[in-house]
Amino acid sequence: MPVLRSNHLPTQHPGVVFKRYYLDRHNIKLTDAAKTLDIETYHLNNFINGEVTVTYPLATKLESVTGISSSFWLNLQKSHNSSIDSSM
């Protein structure tokens, strides 16, 4: 089923997407994911809570774990930032 996105709603933060569609779906613990991504647990926690943006290094780590391109993660962050900027 295709996902339709409205231009009227803000795009979800990439961390929320990562949590919902990767961690939750595969029942992966935060600490285990942080080890796999080779980042600190607090950094991953801040990311999934929308407090940390996707950088190129993080995007490449997300790609290696999820199989979803780093471009996707970076573009999702860009879309999220644009939706926030336009709502202000």
PDB file of N, CA and C in Angstrom:
ATOM      1  N   MET A   1       0.848  -1.170   0.000  1.00  0.00           N
ATOM      2  CA  MET A   1       0.000   0.000   0.000  1.00  0.00           C
ATOM      3  C   MET A   1       0.898   1.238   0.000  1.00  0.00           C
ATOM      4  N   PRO A   2       0.735   2.119  -0.969  1.00  0.00           N
ATOM      5  CA  PRO A   2       1.573   3.317  -1.018  1.00  0.00           C
ATOM      6  C   PRO A   2       1.235   4.274   0.127  1.00  0.00           C
ATOM      7  N   VAL A   3       2.233   4.996   0.557  1.00  0.00           N
ATOM      8  CA  VAL A   3       2.046   5.990   1.597  1.00  0.00           C
ATOM      9  C   VAL A   3       1.922   7.343   0.922  1.00  0.00           C
ATOM     10  N   LEU A   4       0.858   8.042   1.238  1.00  0.00           N
ATOM     11  CA  LEU A   4       0.633   9.360   0.678  1.00  0.00           C
ATOM     12  C   LEU A   4       0.997  10.407   1.717  1.00  0.00           C
ATOM     13  N   ARG A   5       1.704  11.426   1.290  1.00  0.00           N
ATOM     14  CA  ARG A   5       2.102  12.476   2.205  1.00  0.00           C
ATOM     15  C   ARG A   5       1.391  13.751   1.814  1.00  0.00           C
ATOM     16  N   SER A   6       0.817  14.396   2.788  1.00  0.00           N
ATOM     17  CA  SER A   6       0.138  15.662   2.562  1.00  0.00           C
ATOM     18  C   SER A   6       1.139  16.796   2.715  1.00  0.00           C
ATOM     19  N   ASN A   7       1.006  17.802   1.893  1.00  0.00           N
ATOM     20  CA  ASN A   7       1.848  18.987   2.024  1.00  0.00           C
ATOM     21  C   ASN A   7       1.441  19.833   3.222  1.00  0.00           C
ATOM     22  N   HIS A   8       0.330  19.497   3.842  1.00  0.00           N
ATOM     23  CA  HIS A   8      -0.172  20.265   4.963  1.00  0.00           C
ATOM     24  C   HIS A   8       0.335  19.737   6.303  1.00  0.00           C
ATOM     25  N   LEU A   9       0.911  18.563   6.315  1.00  0.00           N
ATOM     26  CA  LEU A   9       1.407  17.985   7.550  1.00  0.00           C
ATOM     27  C   LEU A   9       2.930  17.962   7.538  1.00  0.00           C
ATOM     28  N   PRO A  10       3.550  18.218   8.685  1.00  0.00           N
ATOM     29  CA  PRO A  10       5.008  18.158   8.711  1.00  0.00           C
ATOM     30  C   PRO A  10       5.517  16.739   8.477  1.00  0.00           C
ATOM     31  N   THR A  11       6.639  16.637   7.795  1.00  0.00           N
ATOM     32  CA  THR A  11       7.283  15.355   7.585  1.00  0.00           C
ATOM     33  C   THR A  11       7.840  14.884   8.919  1.00  0.00           C
ATOM     34  N   GLN A  12       7.757  13.597   9.169  1.00  0.00           N
ATOM     35  CA  GLN A  12       8.279  13.071  10.424  1.00  0.00           C
ATOM     36  C   GLN A  12       9.796  13.174  10.464  1.00  0.00           C
ATOM     37  N   HIS A  13      10.314  13.368  11.643  1.00  0.00           N
ATOM     38  CA  HIS A  13      11.759  13.402  11.833  1.00  0.00           C
ATOM     39  C   HIS A  13      12.314  12.015  11.497  1.00  0.00           C
ATOM     40  N   PRO A  14      13.478  11.943  10.856  1.00  0.00           N
ATOM     41  CA  PRO A  14      14.062  10.652  10.491  1.00  0.00           C
ATOM     42  C   PRO A  14      14.255   9.701  11.670  1.00  0.00           C
ATOM     43  N   GLY A  15      14.506  10.247  12.843  1.00  0.00           N
ATOM     44  CA  GLY A  15      14.665   9.408  14.028  1.00  0.00           C
ATOM     45  C   GLY A  15      13.383   8.678  14.390  1.00  0.00           C
ATOM     46  N   VAL A  16      12.269   9.362  14.229  1.00  0.00           N
ATOM     47  CA  VAL A  16      10.964   8.754  14.488  1.00  0.00           C
ATOM     48  C   VAL A  16      10.716   7.629  13.482  1.00  0.00           C
ATOM     49  N   VAL A  17      11.064   7.899  12.230  1.00  0.00           N
ATOM     50  CA  VAL A  17      10.897   6.889  11.178  1.00  0.00           C
ATOM     51  C   VAL A  17      11.785   5.683  11.470  1.00  0.00           C
ATOM     52  N   PHE A  18      13.039   5.921  11.842  1.00  0.00           N
ATOM     53  CA  PHE A  18      13.966   4.834  12.162  1.00  0.00           C
ATOM     54  C   PHE A  18      13.436   3.989  13.317  1.00  0.00           C
ATOM     55  N   LYS A  19      12.937   4.640  14.346  1.00  0.00           N
ATOM     56  CA  LYS A  19      12.406   3.911  15.507  1.00  0.00           C
ATOM     57  C   LYS A  19      11.197   3.073  15.110  1.00  0.00           C
ATOM     58  N   ARG A  20      10.253   3.697  14.441  1.00  0.00           N
ATOM     59  CA  ARG A  20       8.998   3.017  14.126  1.00  0.00           C
ATOM     60  C   ARG A  20       9.183   1.874  13.135  1.00  0.00           C
ATOM     61  N   TYR A  21       9.922   2.143  12.068  1.00  0.00           N
ATOM     62  CA  TYR A  21      10.002   1.167  10.986  1.00  0.00           C
ATOM     63  C   TYR A  21      11.209   0.240  11.047  1.00  0.00           C
ATOM     64  N   TYR A  22      12.111   0.488  11.988  1.00  0.00           N
ATOM     65  CA  TYR A  22      13.247  -0.421  12.110  1.00  0.00           C
ATOM     66  C   TYR A  22      13.338  -1.010  13.526  1.00  0.00           C
ATOM     67  N   LEU A  23      13.520  -0.156  14.516  1.00  0.00           N
ATOM     68  CA  LEU A  23      13.666  -0.674  15.879  1.00  0.00           C
ATOM     69  C   LEU A  23      12.405  -1.392  16.352  1.00  0.00           C
ATOM     70  N   ASP A  24      11.261  -0.722  16.266  1.00  0.00           N
ATOM     71  CA  ASP A  24      10.012  -1.316  16.750  1.00  0.00           C
ATOM     72  C   ASP A  24       9.597  -2.522  15.917  1.00  0.00           C
ATOM     73  N   ARG A  25       9.697  -2.394  14.609  1.00  0.00           N
ATOM     74  CA  ARG A  25       9.261  -3.471  13.720  1.00  0.00           C
ATOM     75  C   ARG A  25      10.080  -4.747  13.931  1.00  0.00           C
ATOM     76  N   HIS A  26      11.380  -4.581  14.210  1.00  0.00           N
ATOM     77  CA  HIS A  26      12.255  -5.739  14.378  1.00  0.00           C
ATOM     78  C   HIS A  26      12.563  -6.042  15.843  1.00  0.00           C
ATOM     79  N   ASN A  27      11.867  -5.330  16.733  1.00  0.00           N
ATOM     80  CA  ASN A  27      12.014  -5.533  18.175  1.00  0.00           C
ATOM     81  C   ASN A  27      13.488  -5.445  18.605  1.00  0.00           C
ATOM     82  N   ILE A  28      14.160  -4.380  18.164  1.00  0.00           N
ATOM     83  CA  ILE A  28      15.572  -4.170  18.466  1.00  0.00           C
ATOM     84  C   ILE A  28      15.684  -3.160  19.604  1.00  0.00           C
ATOM     85  N   LYS A  29      16.485  -3.500  20.590  1.00  0.00           N
ATOM     86  CA  LYS A  29      16.688  -2.606  21.724  1.00  0.00           C
ATOM     87  C   LYS A  29      17.586  -1.447  21.323  1.00  0.00           C
ATOM     88  N   LEU A  30      17.359  -0.323  21.961  1.00  0.00           N
ATOM     89  CA  LEU A  30      18.124   0.886  21.683  1.00  0.00           C
ATOM     90  C   LEU A  30      19.624   0.654  21.867  1.00  0.00           C
ATOM     91  N   THR A  31      19.998   0.003  22.944  1.00  0.00           N
ATOM     92  CA  THR A  31      21.424  -0.235  23.212  1.00  0.00           C
ATOM     93  C   THR A  31      22.048  -1.131  22.147  1.00  0.00           C
ATOM     94  N   ASP A  32      21.307  -2.136  21.696  1.00  0.00           N
ATOM     95  CA  ASP A  32      21.818  -3.024  20.652  1.00  0.00           C
ATOM     96  C   ASP A  32      21.988  -2.271  19.332  1.00  0.00           C
ATOM     97  N   ALA A  33      21.022  -1.421  19.012  1.00  0.00           N
ATOM     98  CA  ALA A  33      21.104  -0.646  17.778  1.00  0.00           C
ATOM     99  C   ALA A  33      22.272   0.339  17.840  1.00  0.00           C
ATOM    100  N   ALA A  34      22.483   0.948  18.992  1.00  0.00           N
ATOM    101  CA  ALA A  34      23.591   1.896  19.145  1.00  0.00           C
ATOM    102  C   ALA A  34      24.931   1.193  18.938  1.00  0.00           C
ATOM    103  N   LYS A  35      25.060  -0.008  19.473  1.00  0.00           N
ATOM    104  CA  LYS A  35      26.297  -0.777  19.288  1.00  0.00           C
ATOM    105  C   LYS A  35      26.497  -1.108  17.815  1.00  0.00           C
ATOM    106  N   THR A  36      25.427  -1.535  17.157  1.00  0.00           N
ATOM    107  CA  THR A  36      25.508  -1.894  15.743  1.00  0.00           C
ATOM    108  C   THR A  36      25.880  -0.675  14.894  1.00  0.00           C
ATOM    109  N   LEU A  37      25.315   0.478  15.246  1.00  0.00           N
ATOM    110  CA  LEU A  37      25.595   1.713  14.514  1.00  0.00           C
ATOM    111  C   LEU A  37      26.933   2.339  14.922  1.00  0.00           C
ATOM    112  N   ASP A  38      27.515   1.828  15.997  1.00  0.00           N
ATOM    113  CA  ASP A  38      28.770   2.354  16.524  1.00  0.00           C
ATOM    114  C   ASP A  38      28.637   3.819  16.937  1.00  0.00           C
ATOM    115  N   ILE A  39      27.536   4.094  17.663  1.00  0.00           N
ATOM    116  CA  ILE A  39      27.328   5.425  18.237  1.00  0.00           C
ATOM    117  C   ILE A  39      26.916   5.252  19.691  1.00  0.00           C
ATOM    118  N   GLU A  40      27.013   6.320  20.451  1.00  0.00           N
ATOM    119  CA  GLU A  40      26.611   6.284  21.856  1.00  0.00           C
ATOM    120  C   GLU A  40      25.092   6.119  21.962  1.00  0.00           C
ATOM    121  N   THR A  41      24.668   5.393  22.980  1.00  0.00           N
ATOM    122  CA  THR A  41      23.237   5.162  23.192  1.00  0.00           C
ATOM    123  C   THR A  41      22.488   6.477  23.358  1.00  0.00           C
ATOM    124  N   TYR A  42      23.076   7.418  24.106  1.00  0.00           N
ATOM    125  CA  TYR A  42      22.393   8.701  24.313  1.00  0.00           C
ATOM    126  C   TYR A  42      22.204   9.443  22.988  1.00  0.00           C
ATOM    127  N   HIS A  43      23.177   9.318  22.080  1.00  0.00           N
ATOM    128  CA  HIS A  43      23.069   9.989  20.775  1.00  0.00           C
ATOM    129  C   HIS A  43      21.920   9.378  19.955  1.00  0.00           C
ATOM    130  N   LEU A  44      21.828   8.054  19.966  1.00  0.00           N
ATOM    131  CA  LEU A  44      20.732   7.389  19.250  1.00  0.00           C
ATOM    132  C   LEU A  44      19.394   7.743  19.893  1.00  0.00           C
ATOM    133  N   ASN A  45      19.357   7.803  21.204  1.00  0.00           N
ATOM    134  CA  ASN A  45      18.135   8.177  21.909  1.00  0.00           C
ATOM    135  C   ASN A  45      17.704   9.593  21.509  1.00  0.00           C
ATOM    136  N   ASN A  46      18.668  10.507  21.477  1.00  0.00           N
ATOM    137  CA  ASN A  46      18.349  11.879  21.053  1.00  0.00           C
ATOM    138  C   ASN A  46      17.879  11.916  19.605  1.00  0.00           C
ATOM    139  N   PHE A  47      18.459  11.081  18.767  1.00  0.00           N
ATOM    140  CA  PHE A  47      18.053  11.011  17.363  1.00  0.00           C
ATOM    141  C   PHE A  47      16.610  10.531  17.226  1.00  0.00           C
ATOM    142  N   ILE A  48      16.267   9.437  17.882  1.00  0.00           N
ATOM    143  CA  ILE A  48      14.900   8.912  17.734  1.00  0.00           C
ATOM    144  C   ILE A  48      13.858   9.800  18.405  1.00  0.00           C
ATOM    145  N   ASN A  49      14.317  10.687  19.283  1.00  0.00           N
ATOM    146  CA  ASN A  49      13.407  11.658  19.899  1.00  0.00           C
ATOM    147  C   ASN A  49      13.366  12.975  19.129  1.00  0.00           C
ATOM    148  N   GLY A  50      14.032  13.015  17.976  1.00  0.00           N
ATOM    149  CA  GLY A  50      13.973  14.192  17.121  1.00  0.00           C
ATOM    150  C   GLY A  50      14.845  15.343  17.567  1.00  0.00           C
ATOM    151  N   GLU A  51      15.801  15.080  18.451  1.00  0.00           N
ATOM    152  CA  GLU A  51      16.658  16.150  18.976  1.00  0.00           C
ATOM    153  C   GLU A  51      17.994  16.245  18.253  1.00  0.00           C
ATOM    154  N   VAL A  52      18.304  15.281  17.392  1.00  0.00           N
ATOM    155  CA  VAL A  52      19.558  15.254  16.639  1.00  0.00           C
ATOM    156  C   VAL A  52      19.207  15.090  15.174  1.00  0.00           C
ATOM    157  N   THR A  53      19.848  15.879  14.341  1.00  0.00           N
ATOM    158  CA  THR A  53      19.597  15.777  12.902  1.00  0.00           C
ATOM    159  C   THR A  53      20.482  14.701  12.271  1.00  0.00           C
ATOM    160  N   VAL A  54      20.076  14.289  11.096  1.00  0.00           N
ATOM    161  CA  VAL A  54      20.870  13.310  10.348  1.00  0.00           C
ATOM    162  C   VAL A  54      22.035  14.038   9.690  1.00  0.00           C
ATOM    163  N   THR A  55      23.222  13.561   9.957  1.00  0.00           N
ATOM    164  CA  THR A  55      24.424  14.049   9.290  1.00  0.00           C
ATOM    165  C   THR A  55      24.828  12.974   8.280  1.00  0.00           C
ATOM    166  N   TYR A  56      25.770  13.313   7.415  1.00  0.00           N
ATOM    167  CA  TYR A  56      26.222  12.314   6.449  1.00  0.00           C
ATOM    168  C   TYR A  56      26.783  11.062   7.131  1.00  0.00           C
ATOM    169  N   PRO A  57      27.643  11.200   8.157  1.00  0.00           N
ATOM    170  CA  PRO A  57      28.149   9.983   8.819  1.00  0.00           C
ATOM    171  C   PRO A  57      27.030   9.125   9.419  1.00  0.00           C
ATOM    172  N   LEU A  58      26.052   9.773  10.043  1.00  0.00           N
ATOM    173  CA  LEU A  58      24.939   9.005  10.620  1.00  0.00           C
ATOM    174  C   LEU A  58      24.116   8.360   9.511  1.00  0.00           C
ATOM    175  N   ALA A  59      23.882   9.073   8.432  1.00  0.00           N
ATOM    176  CA  ALA A  59      23.103   8.528   7.311  1.00  0.00           C
ATOM    177  C   ALA A  59      23.771   7.278   6.730  1.00  0.00           C
ATOM    178  N   THR A  60      25.096   7.297   6.621  1.00  0.00           N
ATOM    179  CA  THR A  60      25.787   6.115   6.086  1.00  0.00           C
ATOM    180  C   THR A  60      25.703   4.949   7.058  1.00  0.00           C
ATOM    181  N   LYS A  61      25.712   5.229   8.353  1.00  0.00           N
ATOM    182  CA  LYS A  61      25.548   4.160   9.337  1.00  0.00           C
ATOM    183  C   LYS A  61      24.129   3.595   9.289  1.00  0.00           C
ATOM    184  N   LEU A  62      23.149   4.470   9.146  1.00  0.00           N
ATOM    185  CA  LEU A  62      21.761   4.012   9.023  1.00  0.00           C
ATOM    186  C   LEU A  62      21.587   3.158   7.776  1.00  0.00           C
ATOM    187  N   GLU A  63      22.233   3.567   6.688  1.00  0.00           N
ATOM    188  CA  GLU A  63      22.164   2.785   5.453  1.00  0.00           C
ATOM    189  C   GLU A  63      22.755   1.392   5.653  1.00  0.00           C
ATOM    190  N   SER A  64      23.881   1.308   6.336  1.00  0.00           N
ATOM    191  CA  SER A  64      24.525   0.004   6.523  1.00  0.00           C
ATOM    192  C   SER A  64      23.681  -0.938   7.366  1.00  0.00           C
ATOM    193  N   VAL A  65      22.872  -0.376   8.258  1.00  0.00           N
ATOM    194  CA  VAL A  65      22.042  -1.206   9.137  1.00  0.00           C
ATOM    195  C   VAL A  65      20.686  -1.532   8.518  1.00  0.00           C
ATOM    196  N   THR A  66      20.076  -0.541   7.869  1.00  0.00           N
ATOM    197  CA  THR A  66      18.712  -0.730   7.360  1.00  0.00           C
ATOM    198  C   THR A  66      18.656  -1.156   5.898  1.00  0.00           C
ATOM    199  N   GLY A  67      19.719  -0.867   5.148  1.00  0.00           N
ATOM    200  CA  GLY A  67      19.684  -1.118   3.714  1.00  0.00           C
ATOM    201  C   GLY A  67      18.990  -0.017   2.948  1.00  0.00           C
ATOM    202  N   ILE A  68      18.565   1.019   3.654  1.00  0.00           N
ATOM    203  CA  ILE A  68      17.910   2.174   3.034  1.00  0.00           C
ATOM    204  C   ILE A  68      18.987   3.223   2.797  1.00  0.00           C
ATOM    205  N   SER A  69      19.037   3.761   1.602  1.00  0.00           N
ATOM    206  CA  SER A  69      20.138   4.638   1.190  1.00  0.00           C
ATOM    207  C   SER A  69      20.335   5.837   2.118  1.00  0.00           C
ATOM    208  N   SER A  70      21.585   6.245   2.199  1.00  0.00           N
ATOM    209  CA  SER A  70      21.912   7.433   2.999  1.00  0.00           C
ATOM    210  C   SER A  70      21.203   8.658   2.423  1.00  0.00           C
ATOM    211  N   SER A  71      21.015   8.687   1.121  1.00  0.00           N
ATOM    212  CA  SER A  71      20.302   9.798   0.480  1.00  0.00           C
ATOM    213  C   SER A  71      18.877   9.913   1.003  1.00  0.00           C
ATOM    214  N   PHE A  72      18.229   8.767   1.217  1.00  0.00           N
ATOM    215  CA  PHE A  72      16.876   8.783   1.759  1.00  0.00           C
ATOM    216  C   PHE A  72      16.860   9.482   3.113  1.00  0.00           C
ATOM    217  N   TRP A  73      17.782   9.095   3.997  1.00  0.00           N
ATOM    218  CA  TRP A  73      17.814   9.667   5.350  1.00  0.00           C
ATOM    219  C   TRP A  73      18.111  11.159   5.309  1.00  0.00           C
ATOM    220  N   LEU A  74      19.050  11.560   4.461  1.00  0.00           N
ATOM    221  CA  LEU A  74      19.398  12.976   4.350  1.00  0.00           C
ATOM    222  C   LEU A  74      18.251  13.783   3.748  1.00  0.00           C
ATOM    223  N   ASN A  75      17.582  13.221   2.744  1.00  0.00           N
ATOM    224  CA  ASN A  75      16.444  13.914   2.139  1.00  0.00           C
ATOM    225  C   ASN A  75      15.261  14.004   3.092  1.00  0.00           C
ATOM    226  N   LEU A  76      15.071  12.966   3.893  1.00  0.00           N
ATOM    227  CA  LEU A  76      13.998  13.000   4.880  1.00  0.00           C
ATOM    228  C   LEU A  76      14.263  14.102   5.902  1.00  0.00           C
ATOM    229  N   GLN A  77      15.518  14.247   6.310  1.00  0.00           N
ATOM    230  CA  GLN A  77      15.873  15.321   7.247  1.00  0.00           C
ATOM    231  C   GLN A  77      15.628  16.681   6.612  1.00  0.00           C
ATOM    232  N   LYS A  78      16.019  16.808   5.353  1.00  0.00           N
ATOM    233  CA  LYS A  78      15.822  18.067   4.632  1.00  0.00           C
ATOM    234  C   LYS A  78      14.330  18.403   4.531  1.00  0.00           C
ATOM    235  N   SER A  79      13.515  17.408   4.215  1.00  0.00           N
ATOM    236  CA  SER A  79      12.066  17.615   4.123  1.00  0.00           C
ATOM    237  C   SER A  79      11.483  17.995   5.480  1.00  0.00           C
ATOM    238  N   HIS A  80      11.965  17.328   6.505  1.00  0.00           N
ATOM    239  CA  HIS A  80      11.502  17.625   7.873  1.00  0.00           C
ATOM    240  C   HIS A  80      11.845  19.076   8.233  1.00  0.00           C
ATOM    241  N   ASN A  81      13.084  19.479   7.959  1.00  0.00           N
ATOM    242  CA  ASN A  81      13.503  20.845   8.255  1.00  0.00           C
ATOM    243  C   ASN A  81      12.662  21.855   7.479  1.00  0.00           C
ATOM    244  N   SER A  82      12.380  21.567   6.214  1.00  0.00           N
ATOM    245  CA  SER A  82      11.579  22.472   5.381  1.00  0.00           C
ATOM    246  C   SER A  82      10.159  22.586   5.898  1.00  0.00           C
ATOM    247  N   SER A  83       9.605  21.459   6.360  1.00  0.00           N
ATOM    248  CA  SER A  83       8.224  21.505   6.850  1.00  0.00           C
ATOM    249  C   SER A  83       8.122  22.308   8.140  1.00  0.00           C
ATOM    250  N   ILE A  84       9.167  22.258   8.940  1.00  0.00           N
ATOM    251  CA  ILE A  84       9.180  23.035  10.183  1.00  0.00           C
ATOM    252  C   ILE A  84       9.339  24.524   9.850  1.00  0.00           C
ATOM    253  N   ASP A  85      10.251  24.825   8.932  1.00  0.00           N
ATOM    254  CA  ASP A  85      10.496  26.216   8.546  1.00  0.00           C
ATOM    255  C   ASP A  85       9.259  26.857   7.936  1.00  0.00           C
ATOM    256  N   SER A  86       8.522  26.095   7.134  1.00  0.00           N
ATOM    257  CA  SER A  86       7.351  26.654   6.468  1.00  0.00           C
ATOM    258  C   SER A  86       6.157  26.802   7.413  1.00  0.00           C
ATOM    259  N   SER A  87       6.177  26.093   8.519  1.00  0.00           N
ATOM    260  CA  SER A  87       5.056  26.191   9.461  1.00  0.00           C
ATOM    261  C   SER A  87       5.236  27.329  10.450  1.00  0.00           C
ATOM    262  N   MET A  88       6.403  27.961  10.420  1.00  0.00           N
ATOM    263  CA  MET A  88       6.657  29.065  11.359  1.00  0.00           C
ATOM    264  C   MET A  88       6.240  30.375  10.784  1.00  0.00           C
TER     265      MET A  88
END
